[in-house]
Amino acid sequence: MSEEALKELVMKHEGTLEALANSIEHLAKSQEMTSRDVRDTIKKLEEISKYLAKQSVFTAKMETMERELVDSFKRVHRRIDDISIIQSNDNGCNSVRLLTKDVQSLTKDITRLVDNVEKQRIHIERLQKENAASISPITIRWVTGIIIAYSITFGSYVVQTFSVLDKTNTRITALLERDMKDTEELMTQIKGLNNGK
C-alpha cells in the first residue's frame, strides 16, 4: 500500500472516528437529558403513588363507614319495628300510646286551625274588597261632623224649649196654687154661710 492510500485510509478512519465521537457525545447528552426526564418522572410517580396510597386508605375508610352506617340503620329500623310491634299489642307502654293519641289529636287540631286560618284569610280578602268599595273614612268624618253640628244646634233648641216650658210650668203652677187657695177660701165662706142658716 502506498503512502497516499494509507493517508486516505487514515483520513477516512479519522472522519469515521470523529463522526463516531460526535455520535457518542450526542448520545451522552441525550442520555443525560433522558436521565433528567426519568428522574422527574420518578418523582412524579412517587407523588402519584403516595396519593394513590392515601386514596386507597380513604376508600377503605369510606367503605368501612358505609358498611357500618348500613348496619346501624338496619339496627335502628329493627328496633323501631320491635317498638311498633310492642306498641300495637296490649303489652305496649301506655305513655307512648297516650303520646300517639296526643299526636293524632294535635294533628286534627292543626288541620282544623289551618282550615280556620284559610277561612279567615278568605273572609279578610272579602272584607278588604268590601272596604275598598265602601265609603271613604274622610267622607264618614265629614258626615259625622255635620251630624254632630246638627245635634248641637238641635240640642240647644231643645234646651231653650225646655227652658221656656219650665218657665210656663212655673207660671201655671203659681196660678194653680193661687186658684186652689181662692177655691179653699170660697169653700170656707160657703161653709160658713151654710152653717149660719
C-alpha atoms as a PDB file:
ATOM      1  CA  MET A   1       0.000   0.000   0.000  1.00  0.00           C
ATOM      2  CA  SER A   2       1.222   3.326  -0.888  1.00  0.00           C
ATOM      3  CA  GLU A   3       1.544   6.253   1.418  1.00  0.00           C
ATOM      4  CA  GLU A   4      -1.156   8.100  -0.324  1.00  0.00           C
ATOM      5  CA  ALA A   5      -3.596   5.261   0.070  1.00  0.00           C
ATOM      6  CA  LEU A   6      -2.585   4.925   3.685  1.00  0.00           C
ATOM      7  CA  LYS A   7      -3.196   8.639   4.282  1.00  0.00           C
ATOM      8  CA  GLU A   8      -6.531   8.383   2.635  1.00  0.00           C
ATOM      9  CA  LEU A   9      -7.446   5.401   4.713  1.00  0.00           C
ATOM     10  CA  VAL A  10      -6.309   7.129   7.911  1.00  0.00           C
ATOM     11  CA  MET A  11      -8.385  10.203   6.938  1.00  0.00           C
ATOM     12  CA  LYS A  12     -11.411   8.032   6.378  1.00  0.00           C
ATOM     13  CA  HIS A  13     -10.881   6.339   9.720  1.00  0.00           C
ATOM     14  CA  GLU A  14     -10.405   9.720  11.414  1.00  0.00           C
ATOM     15  CA  GLY A  15     -13.627  11.003   9.827  1.00  0.00           C
ATOM     16  CA  THR A  16     -15.415   7.893  10.899  1.00  0.00           C
ATOM     17  CA  LEU A  17     -13.905   8.109  14.395  1.00  0.00           C
ATOM     18  CA  GLU A  18     -14.846  11.788  14.619  1.00  0.00           C
ATOM     19  CA  ALA A  19     -18.392  11.024  13.487  1.00  0.00           C
ATOM     20  CA  LEU A  20     -18.444   8.190  15.999  1.00  0.00           C
ATOM     21  CA  ALA A  21     -17.138  10.539  18.720  1.00  0.00           C
ATOM     22  CA  ASN A  22     -19.825  13.114  17.816  1.00  0.00           C
ATOM     23  CA  SER A  23     -22.470  10.412  17.883  1.00  0.00           C
ATOM     24  CA  ILE A  24     -21.236   9.203  21.282  1.00  0.00           C
ATOM     25  CA  GLU A  25     -21.217  12.792  22.591  1.00  0.00           C
ATOM     26  CA  HIS A  26     -24.709  13.365  21.239  1.00  0.00           C
ATOM     27  CA  LEU A  27     -25.775  10.040  22.723  1.00  0.00           C
ATOM     28  CA  ALA A  28     -24.285  11.045  26.109  1.00  0.00           C
ATOM     29  CA  LYS A  29     -26.175  14.366  26.045  1.00  0.00           C
ATOM     30  CA  SER A  30     -29.383  12.599  25.082  1.00  0.00           C
ATOM     31  CA  GLN A  31     -28.771  10.034  27.806  1.00  0.00           C
ATOM     32  CA  GLU A  32     -28.260  12.848  30.347  1.00  0.00           C
ATOM     33  CA  MET A  33     -31.484  14.563  29.275  1.00  0.00           C
ATOM     34  CA  THR A  34     -33.310  11.237  29.364  1.00  0.00           C
ATOM     35  CA  SER A  35     -31.919  10.610  32.868  1.00  0.00           C
ATOM     36  CA  ARG A  36     -33.202  14.014  33.986  1.00  0.00           C
ATOM     37  CA  ASP A  37     -36.604  13.307  32.479  1.00  0.00           C
ATOM     38  CA  VAL A  38     -36.611   9.861  34.081  1.00  0.00           C
ATOM     39  CA  ARG A  39     -35.760  11.411  37.473  1.00  0.00           C
ATOM     40  CA  ASP A  40     -38.595  13.925  37.095  1.00  0.00           C
ATOM     41  CA  THR A  41     -40.923  11.127  36.035  1.00  0.00           C
ATOM     42  CA  ILE A  42     -39.805   9.024  39.021  1.00  0.00           C
ATOM     43  CA  LYS A  43     -40.530  11.947  41.398  1.00  0.00           C
ATOM     44  CA  LYS A  44     -43.957  12.410  39.856  1.00  0.00           C
ATOM     45  CA  LEU A  45     -44.584   8.676  40.066  1.00  0.00           C
ATOM     46  CA  GLU A  46     -43.570   8.753  43.754  1.00  0.00           C
ATOM     47  CA  GLU A  47     -46.082  11.577  44.385  1.00  0.00           C
ATOM     48  CA  ILE A  48     -48.753   9.681  42.460  1.00  0.00           C
ATOM     49  CA  SER A  49     -48.025   6.509  44.430  1.00  0.00           C
ATOM     50  CA  LYS A  50     -48.287   8.469  47.725  1.00  0.00           C
ATOM     51  CA  TYR A  51     -51.575   9.978  46.549  1.00  0.00           C
ATOM     52  CA  LEU A  52     -52.857   6.555  45.487  1.00  0.00           C
ATOM     53  CA  ALA A  53     -51.848   5.093  48.857  1.00  0.00           C
ATOM     54  CA  LYS A  54     -53.754   7.852  50.650  1.00  0.00           C
ATOM     55  CA  GLN A  55     -56.656   7.373  48.261  1.00  0.00           C
ATOM     56  CA  SER A  56     -56.780   3.659  48.980  1.00  0.00           C
ATOM     57  CA  VAL A  57     -56.751   4.395  52.744  1.00  0.00           C
ATOM     58  CA  PHE A  58     -59.626   6.891  52.280  1.00  0.00           C
ATOM     59  CA  THR A  59     -61.509   4.426  50.106  1.00  0.00           C
ATOM     60  CA  ALA A  60     -61.096   1.704  52.728  1.00  0.00           C
ATOM     61  CA  LYS A  61     -62.306   4.078  55.448  1.00  0.00           C
ATOM     62  CA  MET A  62     -65.294   5.146  53.326  1.00  0.00           C
ATOM     63  CA  GLU A  63     -66.225   1.542  52.620  1.00  0.00           C
ATOM     64  CA  THR A  64     -65.957   0.734  56.331  1.00  0.00           C
ATOM     65  CA  MET A  65     -68.075   3.763  57.267  1.00  0.00           C
ATOM     66  CA  GLU A  66     -70.663   2.910  54.619  1.00  0.00           C
ATOM     67  CA  ARG A  67     -70.866  -0.693  55.815  1.00  0.00           C
ATOM     68  CA  GLU A  68     -71.177   0.426  59.449  1.00  0.00           C
ATOM     69  CA  LEU A  69     -73.802   3.024  58.501  1.00  0.00           C
ATOM     70  CA  VAL A  70     -75.891   0.437  56.667  1.00  0.00           C
ATOM     71  CA  ASP A  71     -75.599  -1.908  59.668  1.00  0.00           C
ATOM     72  CA  SER A  72     -76.530   0.944  62.023  1.00  0.00           C
ATOM     73  CA  PHE A  73     -79.642   1.822  60.007  1.00  0.00           C
ATOM     74  CA  LYS A  74     -80.634  -1.842  59.911  1.00  0.00           C
ATOM     75  CA  ARG A  75     -80.353  -1.998  63.715  1.00  0.00           C
ATOM     76  CA  VAL A  76     -82.333   1.234  64.140  1.00  0.00           C
ATOM     77  CA  HIS A  77     -85.105   0.045  61.814  1.00  0.00           C
ATOM     78  CA  ARG A  78     -85.194  -3.338  63.555  1.00  0.00           C
ATOM     79  CA  ARG A  79     -85.584  -1.580  66.922  1.00  0.00           C
ATOM     80  CA  ILE A  80     -88.307   0.716  65.556  1.00  0.00           C
ATOM     81  CA  ASP A  81     -90.125  -2.327  64.155  1.00  0.00           C
ATOM     82  CA  ASP A  82     -89.805  -4.053  67.545  1.00  0.00           C
ATOM     83  CA  ILE A  83     -91.215  -0.977  69.291  1.00  0.00           C
ATOM     84  CA  SER A  84     -94.072  -0.787  66.776  1.00  0.00           C
ATOM     85  CA  ILE A  85     -94.894  -4.457  67.384  1.00  0.00           C
ATOM     86  CA  ILE A  86     -94.801  -3.956  71.163  1.00  0.00           C
ATOM     87  CA  GLN A  87     -96.970  -0.840  70.927  1.00  0.00           C
ATOM     88  CA  SER A  88     -99.528  -2.498  68.683  1.00  0.00           C
ATOM     89  CA  ASN A  89    -100.301  -5.238  71.214  1.00  0.00           C
ATOM     90  CA  ASP A  90    -101.513  -4.898  74.806  1.00  0.00           C
ATOM     91  CA  ASN A  91     -98.027  -5.060  76.333  1.00  0.00           C
ATOM     92  CA  GLY A  92     -97.016  -1.654  74.984  1.00  0.00           C
ATOM     93  CA  CYS A  93     -96.171   1.422  77.019  1.00  0.00           C
ATOM     94  CA  ASN A  94     -99.254   3.439  77.984  1.00  0.00           C
ATOM     95  CA  SER A  95     -97.421   6.736  77.831  1.00  0.00           C
ATOM     96  CA  VAL A  96     -96.348   6.096  74.243  1.00  0.00           C
ATOM     97  CA  ARG A  97     -99.937   5.174  73.350  1.00  0.00           C
ATOM     98  CA  LEU A  98    -101.143   8.354  75.011  1.00  0.00           C
ATOM     99  CA  LEU A  99     -98.472  10.329  73.176  1.00  0.00           C
ATOM    100  CA  THR A 100     -99.625   8.752  69.911  1.00  0.00           C
ATOM    101  CA  LYS A 101    -103.202   9.789  70.694  1.00  0.00           C
ATOM    102  CA  ASP A 102    -101.977  13.276  71.601  1.00  0.00           C
ATOM    103  CA  VAL A 103    -100.085  13.495  68.308  1.00  0.00           C
ATOM    104  CA  GLN A 104    -103.195  12.395  66.412  1.00  0.00           C
ATOM    105  CA  SER A 105    -105.315  14.890  68.329  1.00  0.00           C
ATOM    106  CA  LEU A 106    -102.798  17.659  67.691  1.00  0.00           C
ATOM    107  CA  THR A 107    -102.749  16.725  64.016  1.00  0.00           C
ATOM    108  CA  LYS A 108    -106.538  17.090  63.879  1.00  0.00           C
ATOM    109  CA  ASP A 109    -106.331  20.409  65.753  1.00  0.00           C
ATOM    110  CA  ILE A 110    -103.647  21.676  63.391  1.00  0.00           C
ATOM    111  CA  THR A 111    -105.744  20.640  60.400  1.00  0.00           C
ATOM    112  CA  ARG A 112    -108.726  22.492  61.878  1.00  0.00           C
ATOM    113  CA  LEU A 113    -106.568  25.548  62.598  1.00  0.00           C
ATOM    114  CA  VAL A 114    -105.226  25.540  59.048  1.00  0.00           C
ATOM    115  CA  ASP A 115    -108.818  25.363  57.752  1.00  0.00           C
ATOM    116  CA  ASN A 116    -109.851  28.216  60.066  1.00  0.00           C
ATOM    117  CA  VAL A 117    -106.861  30.303  59.018  1.00  0.00           C
ATOM    118  CA  GLU A 118    -107.779  29.737  55.378  1.00  0.00           C
ATOM    119  CA  LYS A 119    -111.408  30.735  56.091  1.00  0.00           C
ATOM    120  CA  GLN A 120    -110.208  33.842  57.931  1.00  0.00           C
ATOM    121  CA  ARG A 121    -107.897  34.716  55.042  1.00  0.00           C
ATOM    122  CA  ILE A 122    -110.801  34.420  52.589  1.00  0.00           C
ATOM    123  CA  HIS A 123    -113.004  36.475  54.937  1.00  0.00           C
ATOM    124  CA  ILE A 124    -110.296  39.160  55.239  1.00  0.00           C
ATOM    125  CA  GLU A 125    -109.938  39.299  51.460  1.00  0.00           C
ATOM    126  CA  ARG A 126    -113.704  39.696  51.105  1.00  0.00           C
ATOM    127  CA  LEU A 127    -113.723  42.438  53.762  1.00  0.00           C
ATOM    128  CA  GLN A 128    -110.855  44.206  52.038  1.00  0.00           C
ATOM    129  CA  LYS A 129    -112.768  44.132  48.761  1.00  0.00           C
ATOM    130  CA  GLU A 130    -115.902  45.449  50.506  1.00  0.00           C
ATOM    131  CA  ASN A 131    -113.835  48.068  52.331  1.00  0.00           C
ATOM    132  CA  ALA A 132    -112.336  49.198  49.035  1.00  0.00           C
ATOM    133  CA  ALA A 133    -115.863  49.587  47.626  1.00  0.00           C
ATOM    134  CA  SER A 134    -117.292  51.293  50.752  1.00  0.00           C
ATOM    135  CA  ILE A 135    -117.381  54.969  51.734  1.00  0.00           C
ATOM    136  CA  SER A 136    -114.008  56.522  52.437  1.00  0.00           C
ATOM    137  CA  PRO A 137    -113.074  57.484  56.031  1.00  0.00           C
ATOM    138  CA  ILE A 138    -112.887  61.189  55.078  1.00  0.00           C
ATOM    139  CA  THR A 139    -116.499  61.135  53.916  1.00  0.00           C
ATOM    140  CA  ILE A 140    -117.521  59.389  57.139  1.00  0.00           C
ATOM    141  CA  ARG A 141    -115.708  62.090  59.157  1.00  0.00           C
ATOM    142  CA  TRP A 142    -117.498  64.857  57.275  1.00  0.00           C
ATOM    143  CA  VAL A 143    -120.896  63.226  57.728  1.00  0.00           C
ATOM    144  CA  THR A 144    -120.174  62.631  61.419  1.00  0.00           C
ATOM    145  CA  GLY A 145    -119.098  66.272  61.831  1.00  0.00           C
ATOM    146  CA  ILE A 146    -122.295  67.505  60.156  1.00  0.00           C
ATOM    147  CA  ILE A 147    -124.417  65.198  62.355  1.00  0.00           C
ATOM    148  CA  ILE A 148    -122.631  66.415  65.493  1.00  0.00           C
ATOM    149  CA  ALA A 149    -123.069  70.068  64.463  1.00  0.00           C
ATOM    150  CA  TYR A 150    -126.769  69.429  63.782  1.00  0.00           C
ATOM    151  CA  SER A 151    -127.118  67.621  67.119  1.00  0.00           C
ATOM    152  CA  ILE A 152    -125.514  70.536  68.954  1.00  0.00           C
ATOM    153  CA  THR A 153    -127.831  73.004  67.187  1.00  0.00           C
ATOM    154  CA  PHE A 154    -130.888  70.826  67.831  1.00  0.00           C
ATOM    155  CA  GLY A 155    -129.741  70.261  71.414  1.00  0.00           C
ATOM    156  CA  SER A 156    -129.549  73.998  72.084  1.00  0.00           C
ATOM    157  CA  TYR A 157    -133.037  74.395  70.557  1.00  0.00           C
ATOM    158  CA  VAL A 158    -134.343  71.607  72.810  1.00  0.00           C
ATOM    159  CA  VAL A 159    -132.695  73.199  75.853  1.00  0.00           C
ATOM    160  CA  GLN A 160    -134.236  76.562  75.027  1.00  0.00           C
ATOM    161  CA  THR A 161    -137.628  74.903  74.519  1.00  0.00           C
ATOM    162  CA  PHE A 162    -137.333  73.128  77.862  1.00  0.00           C
ATOM    163  CA  SER A 163    -136.357  76.404  79.480  1.00  0.00           C
ATOM    164  CA  VAL A 164    -139.484  78.076  78.048  1.00  0.00           C
ATOM    165  CA  LEU A 165    -141.597  75.063  79.121  1.00  0.00           C
ATOM    166  CA  ASP A 166    -140.092  75.228  82.588  1.00  0.00           C
ATOM    167  CA  LYS A 167    -140.982  78.912  82.887  1.00  0.00           C
ATOM    168  CA  THR A 168    -144.510  78.199  81.633  1.00  0.00           C
ATOM    169  CA  ASN A 169    -144.865  75.348  84.130  1.00  0.00           C
ATOM    170  CA  THR A 170    -143.699  77.587  86.917  1.00  0.00           C
ATOM    171  CA  ARG A 171    -146.297  80.212  85.946  1.00  0.00           C
ATOM    172  CA  ILE A 172    -149.058  77.617  85.594  1.00  0.00           C
ATOM    173  CA  THR A 173    -148.121  76.106  88.964  1.00  0.00           C
ATOM    174  CA  ALA A 174    -148.214  79.540  90.607  1.00  0.00           C
ATOM    175  CA  LEU A 175    -151.626  80.257  89.039  1.00  0.00           C
ATOM    176  CA  LEU A 176    -152.909  76.819  90.052  1.00  0.00           C
ATOM    177  CA  GLU A 177    -151.776  77.310  93.629  1.00  0.00           C
ATOM    178  CA  ARG A 178    -153.435  80.707  93.741  1.00  0.00           C
ATOM    179  CA  ASP A 179    -156.652  79.243  92.293  1.00  0.00           C
ATOM    180  CA  MET A 180    -156.541  76.459  94.888  1.00  0.00           C
ATOM    181  CA  LYS A 181    -156.191  78.997  97.698  1.00  0.00           C
ATOM    182  CA  ASP A 182    -159.026  81.034  96.264  1.00  0.00           C
ATOM    183  CA  THR A 183    -161.168  77.903  95.930  1.00  0.00           C
ATOM    184  CA  GLU A 184    -160.379  76.939  99.500  1.00  0.00           C
ATOM    185  CA  GLU A 185    -161.350  80.385 100.749  1.00  0.00           C
ATOM    186  CA  LEU A 186    -164.580  80.259  98.772  1.00  0.00           C
ATOM    187  CA  MET A 187    -165.348  76.845 100.195  1.00  0.00           C
ATOM    188  CA  THR A 188    -164.723  78.135 103.674  1.00  0.00           C
ATOM    189  CA  GLN A 189    -167.042  81.041 103.099  1.00  0.00           C
ATOM    190  CA  ILE A 190    -169.733  78.798 101.596  1.00  0.00           C
ATOM    191  CA  LYS A 191    -169.498  76.502 104.617  1.00  0.00           C
ATOM    192  CA  GLY A 192    -169.714  79.485 106.896  1.00  0.00           C
ATOM    193  CA  LEU A 193    -172.864  80.691 105.120  1.00  0.00           C
ATOM    194  CA  ASN A 194    -174.416  77.251 105.269  1.00  0.00           C
ATOM    195  CA  ASN A 195    -173.701  76.983 108.948  1.00  0.00           C
ATOM    196  CA  GLY A 196    -175.238  80.425 109.593  1.00  0.00           C
ATOM    197  CA  LYS A 197    -178.683  79.435 108.305  1.00  0.00           C
END
